[in-house]
Amino acid sequence: MKDGVISTHYFEDSIGCMFGIKTVGEEQKRAIEEAYKAWKSKDE
């Protein structure tokens, strides 16, 4: 997530980590956005 926008990223398996994908519903998306904004405001 960057600036309140959830984005898609692709990584090559050169570091040996596995990533999972999960569908995020509207309620979860709002919670993520609120947490991100709270975290981001601490840096300012």
PDB file of N, CA and C in Angstrom:
ATOM      1  N   MET A   1       0.847  -1.170   0.000  1.00  0.00           N
ATOM      2  CA  MET A   1       0.000   0.000   0.000  1.00  0.00           C
ATOM      3  C   MET A   1       0.893   1.234   0.000  1.00  0.00           C
ATOM      4  N   LYS A   2       0.554   2.183  -0.837  1.00  0.00           N
ATOM      5  CA  LYS A   2       1.293   3.442  -0.872  1.00  0.00           C
ATOM      6  C   LYS A   2       0.308   4.572  -1.096  1.00  0.00           C
ATOM      7  N   ASP A   3       0.332   5.561  -0.236  1.00  0.00           N
ATOM      8  CA  ASP A   3      -0.560   6.714  -0.321  1.00  0.00           C
ATOM      9  C   ASP A   3      -2.028   6.306  -0.398  1.00  0.00           C
ATOM     10  N   GLY A   4      -2.404   5.292   0.373  1.00  0.00           N
ATOM     11  CA  GLY A   4      -3.780   4.848   0.429  1.00  0.00           C
ATOM     12  C   GLY A   4      -4.225   3.986  -0.730  1.00  0.00           C
ATOM     13  N   VAL A   5      -3.285   3.605  -1.611  1.00  0.00           N
ATOM     14  CA  VAL A   5      -3.620   2.781  -2.770  1.00  0.00           C
ATOM     15  C   VAL A   5      -2.918   1.438  -2.636  1.00  0.00           C
ATOM     16  N   ILE A   6      -3.695   0.371  -2.708  1.00  0.00           N
ATOM     17  CA  ILE A   6      -3.114  -0.961  -2.670  1.00  0.00           C
ATOM     18  C   ILE A   6      -2.638  -1.299  -4.068  1.00  0.00           C
ATOM     19  N   SER A   7      -1.391  -1.695  -4.188  1.00  0.00           N
ATOM     20  CA  SER A   7      -0.818  -1.960  -5.499  1.00  0.00           C
ATOM     21  C   SER A   7      -0.360  -3.412  -5.601  1.00  0.00           C
ATOM     22  N   THR A   8      -0.032  -3.824  -6.810  1.00  0.00           N
ATOM     23  CA  THR A   8       0.432  -5.172  -7.081  1.00  0.00           C
ATOM     24  C   THR A   8       1.909  -5.131  -7.421  1.00  0.00           C
ATOM     25  N   HIS A   9       2.667  -6.042  -6.863  1.00  0.00           N
ATOM     26  CA  HIS A   9       4.100  -6.121  -7.131  1.00  0.00           C
ATOM     27  C   HIS A   9       4.462  -7.562  -7.477  1.00  0.00           C
ATOM     28  N   TYR A  10       5.415  -7.719  -8.345  1.00  0.00           N
ATOM     29  CA  TYR A  10       5.884  -9.045  -8.730  1.00  0.00           C
ATOM     30  C   TYR A  10       7.344  -9.180  -8.334  1.00  0.00           C
ATOM     31  N   PHE A  11       7.683 -10.309  -7.730  1.00  0.00           N
ATOM     32  CA  PHE A  11       9.037 -10.555  -7.272  1.00  0.00           C
ATOM     33  C   PHE A  11       9.542 -11.867  -7.858  1.00  0.00           C
ATOM     34  N   GLU A  12      10.797 -11.891  -8.209  1.00  0.00           N
ATOM     35  CA  GLU A  12      11.405 -13.148  -8.618  1.00  0.00           C
ATOM     36  C   GLU A  12      11.814 -13.898  -7.364  1.00  0.00           C
ATOM     37  N   ASP A  13      11.864 -15.210  -7.428  1.00  0.00           N
ATOM     38  CA  ASP A  13      12.206 -16.024  -6.258  1.00  0.00           C
ATOM     39  C   ASP A  13      13.719 -16.107  -6.097  1.00  0.00           C
ATOM     40  N   SER A  14      14.356 -14.960  -6.045  1.00  0.00           N
ATOM     41  CA  SER A  14      15.809 -14.955  -5.894  1.00  0.00           C
ATOM     42  C   SER A  14      16.241 -14.826  -4.439  1.00  0.00           C
ATOM     43  N   ILE A  15      15.294 -14.531  -3.538  1.00  0.00           N
ATOM     44  CA  ILE A  15      15.654 -14.402  -2.124  1.00  0.00           C
ATOM     45  C   ILE A  15      15.137 -15.577  -1.300  1.00  0.00           C
ATOM     46  N   GLY A  16      14.427 -16.502  -1.930  1.00  0.00           N
ATOM     47  CA  GLY A  16      13.981 -17.707  -1.245  1.00  0.00           C
ATOM     48  C   GLY A  16      12.822 -17.511  -0.295  1.00  0.00           C
ATOM     49  N   CYS A  17      11.983 -16.517  -0.518  1.00  0.00           N
ATOM     50  CA  CYS A  17      10.819 -16.283   0.341  1.00  0.00           C
ATOM     51  C   CYS A  17       9.544 -16.617  -0.419  1.00  0.00           C
ATOM     52  N   MET A  18       8.549 -17.093   0.317  1.00  0.00           N
ATOM     53  CA  MET A  18       7.256 -17.370  -0.293  1.00  0.00           C
ATOM     54  C   MET A  18       6.265 -16.312   0.181  1.00  0.00           C
ATOM     55  N   PHE A  19       5.455 -15.834  -0.738  1.00  0.00           N
ATOM     56  CA  PHE A  19       4.438 -14.837  -0.435  1.00  0.00           C
ATOM     57  C   PHE A  19       3.073 -15.437  -0.711  1.00  0.00           C
ATOM     58  N   GLY A  20       2.099 -15.060   0.077  1.00  0.00           N
ATOM     59  CA  GLY A  20       0.733 -15.503  -0.148  1.00  0.00           C
ATOM     60  C   GLY A  20      -0.124 -14.354  -0.639  1.00  0.00           C
ATOM     61  N   ILE A  21      -1.224 -14.691  -1.263  1.00  0.00           N
ATOM     62  CA  ILE A  21      -2.156 -13.686  -1.771  1.00  0.00           C
ATOM     63  C   ILE A  21      -3.507 -13.928  -1.116  1.00  0.00           C
ATOM     64  N   LYS A  22      -4.129 -12.845  -0.686  1.00  0.00           N
ATOM     65  CA  LYS A  22      -5.420 -12.943  -0.027  1.00  0.00           C
ATOM     66  C   LYS A  22      -6.335 -11.857  -0.572  1.00  0.00           C
ATOM     67  N   THR A  23      -7.579 -12.213  -0.836  1.00  0.00           N
ATOM     68  CA  THR A  23      -8.569 -11.225  -1.252  1.00  0.00           C
ATOM     69  C   THR A  23      -8.956 -10.393  -0.032  1.00  0.00           C
ATOM     70  N   VAL A  24      -8.985  -9.090  -0.200  1.00  0.00           N
ATOM     71  CA  VAL A  24      -9.286  -8.175   0.899  1.00  0.00           C
ATOM     72  C   VAL A  24     -10.655  -7.556   0.639  1.00  0.00           C
ATOM     73  N   GLY A  25     -11.562  -7.736   1.588  1.00  0.00           N
ATOM     74  CA  GLY A  25     -12.898  -7.158   1.477  1.00  0.00           C
ATOM     75  C   GLY A  25     -12.887  -5.676   1.820  1.00  0.00           C
ATOM     76  N   GLU A  26     -14.019  -5.023   1.623  1.00  0.00           N
ATOM     77  CA  GLU A  26     -14.113  -3.574   1.865  1.00  0.00           C
ATOM     78  C   GLU A  26     -13.808  -3.207   3.318  1.00  0.00           C
ATOM     79  N   GLU A  27     -14.317  -3.980   4.271  1.00  0.00           N
ATOM     80  CA  GLU A  27     -14.077  -3.679   5.691  1.00  0.00           C
ATOM     81  C   GLU A  27     -12.589  -3.822   6.025  1.00  0.00           C
ATOM     82  N   GLN A  28     -11.972  -4.882   5.527  1.00  0.00           N
ATOM     83  CA  GLN A  28     -10.543  -5.085   5.768  1.00  0.00           C
ATOM     84  C   GLN A  28      -9.722  -3.998   5.085  1.00  0.00           C
ATOM     85  N   LYS A  29     -10.125  -3.611   3.885  1.00  0.00           N
ATOM     86  CA  LYS A  29      -9.411  -2.552   3.156  1.00  0.00           C
ATOM     87  C   LYS A  29      -9.445  -1.241   3.954  1.00  0.00           C
ATOM     88  N   ARG A  30     -10.617  -0.898   4.507  1.00  0.00           N
ATOM     89  CA  ARG A  30     -10.717   0.327   5.321  1.00  0.00           C
ATOM     90  C   ARG A  30      -9.815   0.232   6.545  1.00  0.00           C
ATOM     91  N   ALA A  31      -9.772  -0.932   7.187  1.00  0.00           N
ATOM     92  CA  ALA A  31      -8.921  -1.105   8.367  1.00  0.00           C
ATOM     93  C   ALA A  31      -7.449  -0.958   8.000  1.00  0.00           C
ATOM     94  N   ILE A  32      -7.056  -1.514   6.857  1.00  0.00           N
ATOM     95  CA  ILE A  32      -5.665  -1.393   6.398  1.00  0.00           C
ATOM     96  C   ILE A  32      -5.340   0.061   6.097  1.00  0.00           C
ATOM     97  N   GLU A  33      -6.245   0.753   5.406  1.00  0.00           N
ATOM     98  CA  GLU A  33      -6.021   2.167   5.074  1.00  0.00           C
ATOM     99  C   GLU A  33      -5.901   3.017   6.337  1.00  0.00           C
ATOM    100  N   GLU A  34      -6.763   2.772   7.322  1.00  0.00           N
ATOM    101  CA  GLU A  34      -6.705   3.533   8.580  1.00  0.00           C
ATOM    102  C   GLU A  34      -5.402   3.264   9.318  1.00  0.00           C
ATOM    103  N   ALA A  35      -4.980   2.002   9.358  1.00  0.00           N
ATOM    104  CA  ALA A  35      -3.719   1.665  10.027  1.00  0.00           C
ATOM    105  C   ALA A  35      -2.541   2.302   9.304  1.00  0.00           C
ATOM    106  N   TYR A  36      -2.574   2.289   7.997  1.00  0.00           N
ATOM    107  CA  TYR A  36      -1.504   2.897   7.210  1.00  0.00           C
ATOM    108  C   TYR A  36      -1.438   4.410   7.449  1.00  0.00           C
ATOM    109  N   LYS A  37      -2.596   5.063   7.422  1.00  0.00           N
ATOM    110  CA  LYS A  37      -2.629   6.514   7.633  1.00  0.00           C
ATOM    111  C   LYS A  37      -2.141   6.877   9.036  1.00  0.00           C
ATOM    112  N   ALA A  38      -2.524   6.078  10.045  1.00  0.00           N
ATOM    113  CA  ALA A  38      -2.063   6.327  11.421  1.00  0.00           C
ATOM    114  C   ALA A  38      -0.537   6.153  11.506  1.00  0.00           C
ATOM    115  N   TRP A  39      -0.036   5.099  10.861  1.00  0.00           N
ATOM    116  CA  TRP A  39       1.403   4.846  10.860  1.00  0.00           C
ATOM    117  C   TRP A  39       2.133   5.970  10.130  1.00  0.00           C
ATOM    118  N   LYS A  40       1.603   6.383   8.969  1.00  0.00           N
ATOM    119  CA  LYS A  40       2.249   7.409   8.161  1.00  0.00           C
ATOM    120  C   LYS A  40       2.270   8.751   8.891  1.00  0.00           C
ATOM    121  N   SER A  41       1.212   9.064   9.632  1.00  0.00           N
ATOM    122  CA  SER A  41       1.143  10.359  10.328  1.00  0.00           C
ATOM    123  C   SER A  41       2.148  10.443  11.459  1.00  0.00           C
ATOM    124  N   LYS A  42       2.618   9.292  11.972  1.00  0.00           N
ATOM    125  CA  LYS A  42       3.644   9.302  13.015  1.00  0.00           C
ATOM    126  C   LYS A  42       4.983   9.798  12.485  1.00  0.00           C
ATOM    127  N   ASP A  43       5.234   9.615  11.179  1.00  0.00           N
ATOM    128  CA  ASP A  43       6.504  10.025  10.566  1.00  0.00           C
ATOM    129  C   ASP A  43       6.544  11.519  10.276  1.00  0.00           C
ATOM    130  N   GLU A  44       5.386  12.168  10.228  1.00  0.00           N
ATOM    131  CA  GLU A  44       5.351  13.580   9.843  1.00  0.00           C
ATOM    132  C   GLU A  44       5.539  14.508  11.007  1.00  0.00           C
TER     133      GLU A  44
END
